[in-house]
Protein backbone atom coordinates (compact mmCIF):
# COMPACT_ATOMS: atom_id res chain seq x y z
CA MET A 1 -33.59 -71.03 1.57
CA SER A 2 -31.95 -67.68 0.86
CA ARG A 3 -32.38 -66.37 -2.65
CA TYR A 4 -28.59 -65.94 -2.64
CA HIS A 5 -27.96 -69.65 -2.09
CA TYR A 6 -25.43 -71.01 -4.54
CA LYS A 7 -25.73 -74.55 -5.78
CA THR A 8 -22.37 -76.21 -6.27
CA PRO A 9 -21.95 -77.33 -9.90
CA ASP A 10 -21.74 -80.98 -10.80
CA TYR A 11 -18.01 -81.77 -10.57
CA ASN A 12 -18.36 -84.43 -13.24
CA LYS A 13 -19.17 -81.72 -15.75
CA LYS A 14 -16.24 -80.71 -17.87
CA SER A 15 -17.30 -77.06 -17.72
CA ALA A 16 -16.98 -76.95 -13.94
CA LYS A 17 -13.31 -77.91 -13.84
CA GLY A 18 -10.31 -75.60 -13.83
CA ARG A 19 -10.25 -71.85 -14.48
CA THR A 20 -13.01 -71.90 -17.08
CA ARG A 21 -15.69 -69.35 -17.90
CA SER A 22 -18.52 -71.82 -17.35
CA SER A 23 -21.90 -70.19 -16.88
CA ASP A 24 -22.67 -72.25 -13.78
CA LYS A 25 -19.82 -70.51 -11.91
CA VAL A 26 -20.83 -66.93 -12.73
CA VAL A 27 -22.63 -65.13 -9.88
CA ASP A 28 -23.94 -61.58 -9.42
CA LEU A 29 -21.90 -61.13 -6.26
CA ASN A 30 -22.90 -59.17 -3.17
CA ASP A 31 -21.85 -59.14 0.47
CA HIS A 32 -24.88 -61.13 1.64
CA PHE A 33 -24.07 -63.90 -0.81
CA LEU A 34 -20.52 -64.21 0.58
CA VAL A 35 -21.76 -64.28 4.18
CA GLU A 36 -24.20 -67.11 3.37
CA TRP A 37 -21.96 -68.91 0.84
CA HIS A 38 -21.46 -72.59 1.57
CA VAL A 39 -19.90 -75.10 -0.81
CA MET A 40 -19.75 -78.87 -0.41
CA MET A 41 -16.12 -79.32 -1.40
CA ALA A 42 -16.39 -83.08 -2.07
CA GLY A 43 -12.64 -83.58 -1.63
CA ARG A 44 -11.59 -80.63 -3.79
CA ARG A 45 -8.84 -78.32 -2.56
CA SER A 46 -10.36 -75.10 -3.89
CA PHE A 47 -13.46 -73.63 -5.49
CA TYR A 48 -14.19 -70.23 -7.01
CA VAL A 49 -16.95 -68.22 -8.68
CA ARG A 50 -16.67 -65.38 -11.19
CA ASP A 51 -18.44 -62.05 -10.79
CA ALA A 52 -21.15 -61.41 -13.36
CA LYS A 53 -20.52 -57.64 -13.37
CA VAL A 54 -16.69 -57.57 -13.45
CA ASN A 55 -15.54 -60.59 -15.44
CA CYS A 56 -11.92 -60.47 -14.26
CA LEU A 57 -12.96 -60.74 -10.57
CA LEU A 58 -12.91 -64.19 -8.95
CA VAL A 59 -13.80 -65.14 -5.38
CA ASN A 60 -12.15 -68.22 -3.91
CA TYR A 61 -14.15 -70.11 -1.29
CA SER A 62 -12.98 -70.42 2.32
CA LYS A 63 -14.69 -72.52 4.99
CA LYS A 64 -13.78 -69.87 7.58
CA GLY A 65 -15.60 -67.13 5.67
CA SER A 66 -12.50 -65.11 4.73
CA HIS A 67 -13.00 -65.69 1.00
CA SER A 68 -10.23 -64.30 -1.18
CA TYR A 69 -10.67 -61.93 -4.11
CA ALA A 70 -8.47 -62.62 -7.13
CA TYR A 71 -7.77 -60.86 -10.41
CA ASP A 72 -8.02 -63.32 -13.30
CA TYR A 73 -5.79 -62.83 -16.34
CA ARG A 74 -4.20 -64.68 -19.22
CA SER A 75 -0.45 -65.21 -19.43
CA GLY A 76 0.25 -66.62 -22.87
CA SER A 77 -2.12 -69.55 -23.31
CA VAL A 78 -2.59 -70.08 -19.55
CA HIS A 79 -5.12 -68.46 -17.23
CA LYS A 80 -3.67 -67.23 -13.93
CA SER A 81 -5.06 -65.36 -10.95
CA LYS A 82 -3.56 -63.12 -8.27
CA VAL A 83 -5.16 -62.61 -4.86
CA PHE A 84 -5.53 -58.94 -3.91
CA GLY A 85 -7.86 -58.91 -0.90
CA TYR A 86 -10.13 -60.78 1.47
CA PHE A 87 -13.76 -60.66 2.52
CA PRO A 88 -15.06 -59.17 4.83
CA SER A 89 -12.26 -56.60 5.19
CA MET A 90 -12.96 -55.71 1.54
CA THR A 91 -16.58 -55.52 0.35
CA VAL A 92 -17.73 -56.80 -3.03
CA ASN A 93 -18.06 -53.26 -4.40
CA GLU A 94 -14.55 -52.38 -3.19
CA ALA A 95 -13.22 -55.58 -4.81
CA ARG A 96 -14.87 -54.64 -8.09
CA GLU A 97 -13.27 -51.20 -8.01
CA LYS A 98 -9.88 -52.76 -7.25
CA ALA A 99 -10.23 -55.31 -10.07
CA ARG A 100 -11.14 -52.56 -12.54
CA GLU A 101 -8.14 -50.53 -11.36
CA ILE A 102 -5.80 -53.50 -11.84
CA GLN A 103 -7.26 -54.14 -15.29
CA LYS A 104 -6.79 -50.53 -16.31
CA ARG A 105 -3.24 -50.20 -15.03
CA CYS A 106 -2.00 -53.58 -16.26
CA ILE A 107 -3.61 -53.49 -19.70
CA GLU A 108 -3.58 -49.79 -20.52
CA GLU A 109 -0.39 -48.75 -18.71
CA GLY A 110 1.53 -51.99 -19.22
CA LEU A 111 2.50 -52.42 -15.55
CA ASP A 112 3.58 -55.73 -14.06
CA TYR A 113 0.88 -57.57 -12.11
CA ASP A 114 3.11 -58.17 -9.07
CA GLU A 115 3.61 -54.43 -8.61
CA LEU A 116 -0.09 -53.90 -7.95
CA PHE A 117 -0.91 -56.52 -5.34
CA GLU A 118 -0.71 -55.92 -1.62
CA VAL A 119 -2.24 -58.69 0.46
CA HIS A 120 -3.08 -58.81 4.17
CA ARG A 121 -4.13 -62.39 4.93
CA PHE A 122 -5.57 -61.72 8.37
CA PRO A 123 -6.34 -57.99 8.65
CA ALA A 124 -7.27 -56.56 12.03
CA MET A 125 -10.99 -55.78 12.09
CA ILE A 126 -12.62 -53.24 14.41
CA TYR A 127 -16.10 -54.37 15.42
CA PHE A 128 -18.98 -52.87 17.40
CA LEU A 129 -21.41 -55.00 19.40
CA GLN A 130 -24.50 -53.85 21.25
CA SER A 131 -25.79 -55.50 24.40
CA ASP A 132 -28.71 -53.74 26.09
CA ASP A 133 -27.61 -50.09 26.43
CA LYS A 134 -23.90 -50.83 26.06
CA ILE A 135 -21.61 -50.93 22.98
CA LYS A 136 -18.42 -52.96 22.84
CA ILE A 137 -15.50 -51.65 20.75
CA GLY A 138 -13.22 -54.58 19.96
CA LYS A 139 -10.57 -55.81 17.53
CA SER A 140 -9.92 -59.24 16.03
CA ASN A 141 -7.70 -60.86 13.40
CA ASP A 142 -10.11 -63.80 13.15
CA ILE A 143 -13.38 -61.92 12.87
CA TRP A 144 -15.79 -64.75 12.02
CA ASN A 145 -14.71 -67.01 14.87
CA ARG A 146 -14.80 -64.01 17.18
CA MET A 147 -18.36 -63.16 16.08
CA ARG A 148 -19.38 -66.78 16.56
CA ASP A 149 -18.07 -66.68 20.13
CA LEU A 150 -19.55 -63.29 21.04
CA VAL A 151 -22.75 -63.09 18.98
CA GLY A 152 -23.67 -66.63 18.01
CA SER A 153 -23.36 -68.05 21.53
CA GLN A 154 -24.99 -65.20 23.48
CA GLU A 155 -28.55 -63.92 23.45
CA GLY A 156 -29.20 -60.19 23.15
CA VAL A 157 -25.82 -59.36 21.54
CA PHE A 158 -25.97 -57.73 18.10
CA LEU A 159 -23.31 -56.73 15.59
CA LEU A 160 -23.64 -53.03 14.69
CA GLY A 161 -20.78 -52.91 12.21
CA MET A 162 -17.15 -53.72 11.44
CA ARG A 163 -14.36 -52.50 9.20
CA GLU A 164 -10.62 -53.02 8.75
CA GLN A 165 -8.40 -51.07 11.11
CA ASN A 166 -6.18 -48.44 9.48
CA ASP A 167 -3.90 -45.55 10.40
CA VAL A 168 -6.83 -43.22 11.15
CA VAL A 169 -9.07 -45.65 13.03
CA THR A 170 -7.57 -48.02 15.60
CA GLU A 171 -9.08 -49.71 18.61
CA SER A 172 -6.93 -47.67 21.02
CA LYS A 173 -7.85 -44.42 19.22
CA LEU A 174 -11.57 -45.12 19.59
CA HIS A 175 -11.16 -46.13 23.22
CA HIS A 176 -9.41 -42.80 23.83
CA VAL A 177 -11.89 -40.58 21.97
CA TYR A 178 -14.97 -42.13 23.62
CA ARG A 179 -13.37 -42.71 27.04
CA ALA A 180 -16.02 -40.49 28.70
CA PHE A 181 -18.55 -43.29 28.08
CA ARG A 182 -16.37 -46.27 28.95
CA GLN A 183 -17.33 -48.66 31.69
CA ARG A 184 -14.60 -49.37 34.15
CA GLY A 185 -12.55 -52.51 33.57
CA ASN A 186 -13.87 -53.61 30.16
CA GLU A 187 -14.34 -52.63 26.50
CA TYR A 188 -18.00 -51.63 26.84
CA PHE A 189 -19.18 -48.06 26.41
CA GLU A 190 -22.46 -46.41 27.30
CA ARG A 191 -24.65 -46.19 24.21
CA ASN A 192 -24.47 -42.59 22.99
CA TYR A 193 -25.27 -40.53 19.91
CA LEU A 194 -21.63 -39.69 19.14
CA LEU A 195 -20.48 -43.30 18.98
CA LEU A 196 -23.57 -44.27 16.97
CA GLU A 197 -22.81 -41.45 14.53
CA PHE A 198 -19.25 -42.74 14.14
CA ILE A 199 -20.43 -46.32 13.50
CA GLN A 200 -22.92 -45.12 10.89
CA ARG A 201 -20.36 -42.94 9.08
CA TRP A 202 -17.44 -45.38 9.20
CA CYS A 203 -19.06 -48.82 8.95
CA VAL A 204 -22.28 -48.15 7.05
CA SER A 205 -21.55 -45.13 4.83
CA ARG A 206 -17.83 -46.07 4.67
CA ALA A 207 -16.73 -42.44 4.72
CA SER A 208 -13.20 -41.56 3.61
CA ASP A 209 -10.26 -41.38 6.01
CA PRO A 210 -10.06 -37.54 5.87
CA ASP A 211 -13.77 -37.25 6.69
CA ILE A 212 -13.48 -39.74 9.55
CA LYS A 213 -10.44 -37.95 10.96
CA LYS A 214 -12.44 -34.69 11.04
CA LEU A 215 -15.37 -36.49 12.66
CA LEU A 216 -13.19 -37.91 15.46
CA GLU A 217 -11.63 -34.49 16.05
CA ARG A 218 -15.10 -32.93 16.29
CA HIS A 219 -16.29 -35.57 18.73
CA GLU A 220 -13.21 -35.18 20.92
CA ALA A 221 -13.62 -31.39 20.96
CA GLU A 222 -17.31 -31.71 21.85
CA LEU A 223 -16.57 -34.11 24.68
CA TYR A 224 -13.50 -32.58 26.27
CA VAL A 225 -12.42 -29.22 24.81
CA ASP A 226 -15.63 -27.25 24.50
CA LYS A 227 -16.72 -27.88 28.09
């Protein structure tokens, strides 16, 4: 059993019901925990845990794996929460930063909560799969089912990385920049050091958009302009 396994609290306990601060629902969150998270719902419509490091951050469970991040706050005598993002398009560390930002702006600057939330329920995810000496560059709005179909059901296929598509990085942009390595008639590209560098910088190091834009420009110049 993974050391990140979460045992569902006893639903007969008073402390496990509603939006409470019960200790059995506080977890030191990380991305691996959310990937492996499984809750026996026992007829309940929803279930959440609270982050141990950022108390105002909740994560609501989803059977499909796209767990939602929510900012928890008090309105009068009632606790409320607002969803502001979804895993895996937003990592746990990014969710913590966002929750702290919301806390700061709402409490210290007196802004309205609704002004600060922008939600994308099914964000487009760019993913990179390796099979032998080939790398697939693909896009999906249902990333976990797509990974189950492509990785879980096929031997020798490995996920190298994924991240939410944005204005700087799109599937068509990557297909264009690395077209010199593309295999005819499909989305697979010859494994090469430039594409591996991009995956490391964008998916693993999570470099900023300006840095990634410069990287893509450098790769395109190296492949097509400087020759």
